[in-house]
Amino acid sequence: MNHFLYFSRIVLKLKKIIYYCWLSLVIAVLLLFIIKPSYFTPGFIAGFLADYSSGLLGIYFLASLLRGLFLIPSTPFVLAGAILFPEHPALVITISMIGILFGATAIYYFSDSLGFSKKLETKYPKQLKKWHDRLNSPRASLIVIAWSFFPLVPTDLICYVAGIVRMRFLYLIAGVFIGEMVLVYCYVVLGAGLFEYILG
């Protein structure tokens, strides 16, 4: 029993360390966004990735995967992909969607394990109850689709809330896929056409 308690304490300490490291990185990214917003534009991201052209596709894929963990919007990365690979729109769409779905999954599962639910339940019990009812209703996927499709709100936020209120994962990921797929397709196709017009 003592060994179990000792192990539990170690796990709790590790969770706290991971949480504070992650939170520190998110705050650092947020401060960088405030101080240097130009670093988060599609052109800058495309230029930065192009500096490592030897493994450009792999770097772009990795950046698309890690983006969601730091609450960085997917839009600049999708548009950067359209700039970098204008002849491969299907590839950009595929990589972007893999990154978005990976980020949504990671956020969904990590949101509760990092202790967010307890903090929100303490500070915002009424609001959390409302979202619990909404995201566990028959129209839950429609809410996620609408949220994911609307470009001015971060999809990552609904994934955090879904994880905290224990929305069914299948409904969440289906909603994110449908909403983001439409948006990403528009970004890549229209974005690539716009860049061709500007550069041509």
C-alpha atoms as a PDB file:
ATOM      1  CA  MET A   1       0.000   0.000   0.000  1.00  0.00           C
ATOM      2  CA  ASN A   2       2.852   2.369   0.852  1.00  0.00           C
ATOM      3  CA  HIS A   3       4.448   1.624  -2.507  1.00  0.00           C
ATOM      4  CA  PHE A   4       1.160   2.449  -4.239  1.00  0.00           C
ATOM      5  CA  LEU A   5       0.896   5.788  -2.420  1.00  0.00           C
ATOM      6  CA  TYR A   6       4.504   6.592  -3.255  1.00  0.00           C
ATOM      7  CA  PHE A   7       3.918   5.775  -6.924  1.00  0.00           C
ATOM      8  CA  SER A   8       0.711   7.867  -6.954  1.00  0.00           C
ATOM      9  CA  ARG A   9       2.581  10.865  -5.559  1.00  0.00           C
ATOM     10  CA  ILE A  10       5.267  10.526  -8.239  1.00  0.00           C
ATOM     11  CA  VAL A  11       2.589  10.390 -10.962  1.00  0.00           C
ATOM     12  CA  LEU A  12       0.896  13.497  -9.543  1.00  0.00           C
ATOM     13  CA  LYS A  13       4.211  15.355  -9.437  1.00  0.00           C
ATOM     14  CA  LEU A  14       4.965  14.369 -13.030  1.00  0.00           C
ATOM     15  CA  LYS A  15       1.528  15.558 -14.120  1.00  0.00           C
ATOM     16  CA  LYS A  16       2.161  18.898 -12.438  1.00  0.00           C
ATOM     17  CA  ILE A  17       5.585  19.228 -14.068  1.00  0.00           C
ATOM     18  CA  ILE A  18       4.138  18.395 -17.500  1.00  0.00           C
ATOM     19  CA  TYR A  19       1.253  20.796 -16.938  1.00  0.00           C
ATOM     20  CA  TYR A  20       3.492  23.711 -15.917  1.00  0.00           C
ATOM     21  CA  CYS A  21       5.975  23.044 -18.742  1.00  0.00           C
ATOM     22  CA  TRP A  22       3.152  22.976 -21.259  1.00  0.00           C
ATOM     23  CA  LEU A  23       1.554  26.083 -19.742  1.00  0.00           C
ATOM     24  CA  SER A  24       4.881  27.918 -19.838  1.00  0.00           C
ATOM     25  CA  LEU A  25       5.320  27.083 -23.523  1.00  0.00           C
ATOM     26  CA  VAL A  26       1.773  28.202 -24.333  1.00  0.00           C
ATOM     27  CA  ILE A  27       2.340  31.502 -22.492  1.00  0.00           C
ATOM     28  CA  ALA A  28       5.662  31.952 -24.330  1.00  0.00           C
ATOM     29  CA  VAL A  29       3.943  31.392 -27.691  1.00  0.00           C
ATOM     30  CA  LEU A  30       1.156  33.805 -26.718  1.00  0.00           C
ATOM     31  CA  LEU A  31       3.666  36.499 -25.708  1.00  0.00           C
ATOM     32  CA  LEU A  32       5.556  35.974 -28.952  1.00  0.00           C
ATOM     33  CA  PHE A  33       2.293  36.355 -30.847  1.00  0.00           C
ATOM     34  CA  ILE A  34       1.603  39.660 -29.056  1.00  0.00           C
ATOM     35  CA  ILE A  35       5.158  40.999 -29.475  1.00  0.00           C
ATOM     36  CA  LYS A  36       5.840  39.672 -32.988  1.00  0.00           C
ATOM     37  CA  PRO A  37       2.520  38.871 -34.715  1.00  0.00           C
ATOM     38  CA  SER A  38       4.349  38.862 -38.061  1.00  0.00           C
ATOM     39  CA  TYR A  39       5.936  35.539 -37.028  1.00  0.00           C
ATOM     40  CA  PHE A  40       2.520  33.883 -37.302  1.00  0.00           C
ATOM     41  CA  THR A  41       1.624  34.967 -40.812  1.00  0.00           C
ATOM     42  CA  PRO A  42       1.425  32.360 -43.631  1.00  0.00           C
ATOM     43  CA  GLY A  43       4.270  34.080 -45.525  1.00  0.00           C
ATOM     44  CA  PHE A  44       6.651  34.059 -42.550  1.00  0.00           C
ATOM     45  CA  ILE A  45       5.864  30.428 -41.678  1.00  0.00           C
ATOM     46  CA  ALA A  46       6.357  29.389 -45.321  1.00  0.00           C
ATOM     47  CA  GLY A  47       9.647  31.298 -45.480  1.00  0.00           C
ATOM     48  CA  PHE A  48      10.869  29.824 -42.201  1.00  0.00           C
ATOM     49  CA  LEU A  49      10.083  26.277 -43.300  1.00  0.00           C
ATOM     50  CA  ALA A  50      11.637  26.902 -46.719  1.00  0.00           C
ATOM     51  CA  ASP A  51      14.983  27.622 -45.003  1.00  0.00           C
ATOM     52  CA  TYR A  52      15.094  23.897 -44.247  1.00  0.00           C
ATOM     53  CA  SER A  53      14.192  22.807 -47.758  1.00  0.00           C
ATOM     54  CA  SER A  54      16.079  19.507 -47.558  1.00  0.00           C
ATOM     55  CA  GLY A  55      13.344  17.999 -45.412  1.00  0.00           C
ATOM     56  CA  LEU A  56      10.639  20.570 -46.099  1.00  0.00           C
ATOM     57  CA  LEU A  57       7.699  18.167 -46.338  1.00  0.00           C
ATOM     58  CA  GLY A  58       8.673  16.352 -43.142  1.00  0.00           C
ATOM     59  CA  ILE A  59       9.138  19.624 -41.254  1.00  0.00           C
ATOM     60  CA  TYR A  60       5.790  20.907 -42.482  1.00  0.00           C
ATOM     61  CA  PHE A  61       4.113  17.672 -41.409  1.00  0.00           C
ATOM     62  CA  LEU A  62       5.741  17.812 -37.950  1.00  0.00           C
ATOM     63  CA  ALA A  63       4.858  21.493 -37.504  1.00  0.00           C
ATOM     64  CA  SER A  64       1.239  20.730 -38.435  1.00  0.00           C
ATOM     65  CA  LEU A  65       1.144  17.963 -35.821  1.00  0.00           C
ATOM     66  CA  LEU A  66       2.638  19.994 -32.970  1.00  0.00           C
ATOM     67  CA  ARG A  67       0.743  23.223 -33.689  1.00  0.00           C
ATOM     68  CA  GLY A  68      -2.422  22.239 -31.814  1.00  0.00           C
ATOM     69  CA  LEU A  69      -0.605  21.431 -28.582  1.00  0.00           C
ATOM     70  CA  PHE A  70       0.430  25.084 -28.282  1.00  0.00           C
ATOM     71  CA  LEU A  71      -2.973  26.547 -29.223  1.00  0.00           C
ATOM     72  CA  ILE A  72      -1.567  28.035 -32.441  1.00  0.00           C
ATOM     73  CA  PRO A  73      -4.354  28.501 -35.023  1.00  0.00           C
ATOM     74  CA  SER A  74      -4.242  26.105 -37.962  1.00  0.00           C
ATOM     75  CA  THR A  75      -5.089  28.765 -40.590  1.00  0.00           C
ATOM     76  CA  PRO A  76      -1.540  30.201 -41.029  1.00  0.00           C
ATOM     77  CA  PHE A  77      -0.122  26.688 -41.367  1.00  0.00           C
ATOM     78  CA  VAL A  78      -2.716  25.649 -43.936  1.00  0.00           C
ATOM     79  CA  LEU A  79      -2.075  28.786 -45.998  1.00  0.00           C
ATOM     80  CA  ALA A  80       1.688  28.305 -45.600  1.00  0.00           C
ATOM     81  CA  GLY A  81       1.249  24.819 -47.048  1.00  0.00           C
ATOM     82  CA  ALA A  82      -0.661  26.297 -49.995  1.00  0.00           C
ATOM     83  CA  ILE A  83       2.280  28.663 -50.593  1.00  0.00           C
ATOM     84  CA  LEU A  84       4.953  25.979 -50.224  1.00  0.00           C
ATOM     85  CA  PHE A  85       3.236  23.238 -52.233  1.00  0.00           C
ATOM     86  CA  PRO A  86       0.945  24.983 -54.745  1.00  0.00           C
ATOM     87  CA  GLU A  87       1.104  21.988 -57.105  1.00  0.00           C
ATOM     88  CA  HIS A  88      -0.028  19.528 -54.412  1.00  0.00           C
ATOM     89  CA  PRO A  89      -3.268  20.836 -52.883  1.00  0.00           C
ATOM     90  CA  ALA A  90      -4.478  17.330 -51.965  1.00  0.00           C
ATOM     91  CA  LEU A  91      -1.257  16.718 -50.020  1.00  0.00           C
ATOM     92  CA  VAL A  92      -1.596  20.013 -48.139  1.00  0.00           C
ATOM     93  CA  ILE A  93      -5.222  19.221 -47.289  1.00  0.00           C
ATOM     94  CA  THR A  94      -4.275  15.727 -46.086  1.00  0.00           C
ATOM     95  CA  ILE A  95      -1.368  16.915 -43.918  1.00  0.00           C
ATOM     96  CA  SER A  96      -3.439  19.789 -42.523  1.00  0.00           C
ATOM     97  CA  MET A  97      -6.326  17.490 -41.609  1.00  0.00           C
ATOM     98  CA  ILE A  98      -4.007  14.940 -39.988  1.00  0.00           C
ATOM     99  CA  GLY A  99      -2.489  17.733 -37.918  1.00  0.00           C
ATOM    100  CA  ILE A 100      -5.879  19.142 -36.940  1.00  0.00           C
ATOM    101  CA  LEU A 101      -7.308  15.734 -35.978  1.00  0.00           C
ATOM    102  CA  PHE A 102      -4.146  14.808 -34.063  1.00  0.00           C
ATOM    103  CA  GLY A 103      -4.261  18.103 -32.172  1.00  0.00           C
ATOM    104  CA  ALA A 104      -7.970  17.701 -31.426  1.00  0.00           C
ATOM    105  CA  THR A 105      -7.384  14.169 -30.112  1.00  0.00           C
ATOM    106  CA  ALA A 106      -4.417  15.173 -27.947  1.00  0.00           C
ATOM    107  CA  ILE A 107      -6.258  18.164 -26.505  1.00  0.00           C
ATOM    108  CA  TYR A 108      -9.388  16.074 -25.848  1.00  0.00           C
ATOM    109  CA  TYR A 109      -7.483  13.477 -23.819  1.00  0.00           C
ATOM    110  CA  PHE A 110      -4.956  15.768 -22.133  1.00  0.00           C
ATOM    111  CA  SER A 111      -7.470  18.411 -21.032  1.00  0.00           C
ATOM    112  CA  ASP A 112      -8.760  16.278 -18.163  1.00  0.00           C
ATOM    113  CA  SER A 113      -5.516  14.495 -17.305  1.00  0.00           C
ATOM    114  CA  LEU A 114      -3.747  17.816 -16.726  1.00  0.00           C
ATOM    115  CA  GLY A 115      -6.319  18.833 -14.135  1.00  0.00           C
ATOM    116  CA  PHE A 116      -8.309  21.431 -16.084  1.00  0.00           C
ATOM    117  CA  SER A 117     -11.675  19.893 -15.206  1.00  0.00           C
ATOM    118  CA  LYS A 118     -11.239  20.361 -11.453  1.00  0.00           C
ATOM    119  CA  LYS A 119     -10.191  23.981 -11.851  1.00  0.00           C
ATOM    120  CA  LEU A 120     -13.084  24.824 -14.151  1.00  0.00           C
ATOM    121  CA  GLU A 121     -15.600  22.948 -12.008  1.00  0.00           C
ATOM    122  CA  THR A 122     -14.500  25.083  -9.049  1.00  0.00           C
ATOM    123  CA  LYS A 123     -14.458  28.442 -10.862  1.00  0.00           C
ATOM    124  CA  TYR A 124     -17.224  28.066 -13.468  1.00  0.00           C
ATOM    125  CA  PRO A 125     -19.651  25.325 -12.361  1.00  0.00           C
ATOM    126  CA  LYS A 126     -22.740  26.821 -14.070  1.00  0.00           C
ATOM    127  CA  GLN A 127     -21.036  27.466 -17.407  1.00  0.00           C
ATOM    128  CA  LEU A 128     -19.480  24.014 -17.363  1.00  0.00           C
ATOM    129  CA  LYS A 129     -22.875  22.441 -16.682  1.00  0.00           C
ATOM    130  CA  LYS A 130     -24.365  24.264 -19.688  1.00  0.00           C
ATOM    131  CA  TRP A 131     -21.601  23.038 -21.968  1.00  0.00           C
ATOM    132  CA  HIS A 132     -21.909  19.541 -20.550  1.00  0.00           C
ATOM    133  CA  ASP A 133     -25.584  19.508 -21.531  1.00  0.00           C
ATOM    134  CA  ARG A 134     -24.902  20.981 -24.976  1.00  0.00           C
ATOM    135  CA  LEU A 135     -22.068  18.636 -25.879  1.00  0.00           C
ATOM    136  CA  ASN A 136     -23.880  15.547 -24.663  1.00  0.00           C
ATOM    137  CA  SER A 137     -27.087  16.302 -26.549  1.00  0.00           C
ATOM    138  CA  PRO A 138     -28.218  14.815 -29.914  1.00  0.00           C
ATOM    139  CA  ARG A 139     -27.072  17.989 -31.716  1.00  0.00           C
ATOM    140  CA  ALA A 140     -23.571  17.917 -30.201  1.00  0.00           C
ATOM    141  CA  SER A 141     -21.802  17.128 -33.493  1.00  0.00           C
ATOM    142  CA  LEU A 142     -23.634  20.010 -35.207  1.00  0.00           C
ATOM    143  CA  ILE A 143     -22.325  22.396 -32.548  1.00  0.00           C
ATOM    144  CA  VAL A 144     -18.772  21.152 -33.128  1.00  0.00           C
ATOM    145  CA  ILE A 145     -19.168  21.369 -36.934  1.00  0.00           C
ATOM    146  CA  ALA A 146     -20.403  24.971 -36.719  1.00  0.00           C
ATOM    147  CA  TRP A 147     -17.656  25.896 -34.249  1.00  0.00           C
ATOM    148  CA  SER A 148     -14.934  24.243 -36.372  1.00  0.00           C
ATOM    149  CA  PHE A 149     -16.159  25.870 -39.579  1.00  0.00           C
ATOM    150  CA  PHE A 150     -16.279  29.383 -38.106  1.00  0.00           C
ATOM    151  CA  PRO A 151     -12.754  30.772 -38.741  1.00  0.00           C
ATOM    152  CA  LEU A 152     -12.746  33.439 -36.002  1.00  0.00           C
ATOM    153  CA  VAL A 153     -12.924  31.003 -33.056  1.00  0.00           C
ATOM    154  CA  PRO A 154     -10.207  28.427 -32.244  1.00  0.00           C
ATOM    155  CA  THR A 155     -11.284  24.817 -32.774  1.00  0.00           C
ATOM    156  CA  ASP A 156      -8.841  23.790 -30.027  1.00  0.00           C
ATOM    157  CA  LEU A 157     -11.070  25.490 -27.461  1.00  0.00           C
ATOM    158  CA  ILE A 158     -14.101  23.308 -28.205  1.00  0.00           C
ATOM    159  CA  CYS A 159     -11.828  20.249 -28.018  1.00  0.00           C
ATOM    160  CA  TYR A 160     -10.697  21.250 -24.518  1.00  0.00           C
ATOM    161  CA  VAL A 161     -14.248  21.746 -23.369  1.00  0.00           C
ATOM    162  CA  ALA A 162     -15.344  18.467 -24.992  1.00  0.00           C
ATOM    163  CA  GLY A 163     -12.620  16.602 -23.115  1.00  0.00           C
ATOM    164  CA  ILE A 164     -13.540  18.214 -19.813  1.00  0.00           C
ATOM    165  CA  VAL A 165     -17.294  17.515 -20.101  1.00  0.00           C
ATOM    166  CA  ARG A 166     -16.565  14.003 -21.459  1.00  0.00           C
ATOM    167  CA  MET A 167     -18.343  14.424 -24.768  1.00  0.00           C
ATOM    168  CA  ARG A 168     -18.253  11.233 -26.827  1.00  0.00           C
ATOM    169  CA  PHE A 169     -14.966  11.291 -28.730  1.00  0.00           C
ATOM    170  CA  LEU A 170     -16.493   9.944 -31.951  1.00  0.00           C
ATOM    171  CA  TYR A 171     -19.003  12.824 -32.077  1.00  0.00           C
ATOM    172  CA  LEU A 172     -16.257  15.372 -31.427  1.00  0.00           C
ATOM    173  CA  ILE A 173     -13.806  14.068 -34.012  1.00  0.00           C
ATOM    174  CA  ALA A 174     -16.544  13.670 -36.636  1.00  0.00           C
ATOM    175  CA  GLY A 175     -17.666  17.263 -36.066  1.00  0.00           C
ATOM    176  CA  VAL A 176     -14.096  18.597 -36.216  1.00  0.00           C
ATOM    177  CA  PHE A 177     -13.396  16.609 -39.387  1.00  0.00           C
ATOM    178  CA  ILE A 178     -16.477  17.851 -41.262  1.00  0.00           C
ATOM    179  CA  GLY A 179     -16.185  21.490 -40.154  1.00  0.00           C
ATOM    180  CA  GLU A 180     -12.432  21.772 -40.653  1.00  0.00           C
ATOM    181  CA  MET A 181     -12.410  19.807 -43.923  1.00  0.00           C
ATOM    182  CA  VAL A 182     -14.666  22.373 -45.591  1.00  0.00           C
ATOM    183  CA  LEU A 183     -12.625  25.257 -44.189  1.00  0.00           C
ATOM    184  CA  VAL A 184      -9.231  23.730 -45.074  1.00  0.00           C
ATOM    185  CA  TYR A 185     -10.409  22.922 -48.606  1.00  0.00           C
ATOM    186  CA  CYS A 186     -11.492  26.538 -49.105  1.00  0.00           C
ATOM    187  CA  TYR A 187      -8.203  27.838 -47.670  1.00  0.00           C
ATOM    188  CA  VAL A 188      -6.032  25.608 -49.860  1.00  0.00           C
ATOM    189  CA  VAL A 189      -7.957  25.932 -53.124  1.00  0.00           C
ATOM    190  CA  LEU A 190      -8.846  29.616 -52.841  1.00  0.00           C
ATOM    191  CA  GLY A 191      -5.575  30.481 -51.110  1.00  0.00           C
ATOM    192  CA  ALA A 192      -3.448  28.789 -53.767  1.00  0.00           C
ATOM    193  CA  GLY A 193      -5.424  30.537 -56.507  1.00  0.00           C
ATOM    194  CA  LEU A 194      -4.995  33.903 -54.789  1.00  0.00           C
ATOM    195  CA  PHE A 195      -1.242  33.449 -54.397  1.00  0.00           C
ATOM    196  CA  GLU A 196      -0.926  32.425 -58.060  1.00  0.00           C
ATOM    197  CA  TYR A 197      -2.807  35.584 -59.048  1.00  0.00           C
ATOM    198  CA  ILE A 198      -0.628  37.815 -56.833  1.00  0.00           C
ATOM    199  CA  LEU A 199       2.662  36.224 -57.891  1.00  0.00           C
ATOM    200  CA  GLY A 200       1.687  35.693 -61.531  1.00  0.00           C
END
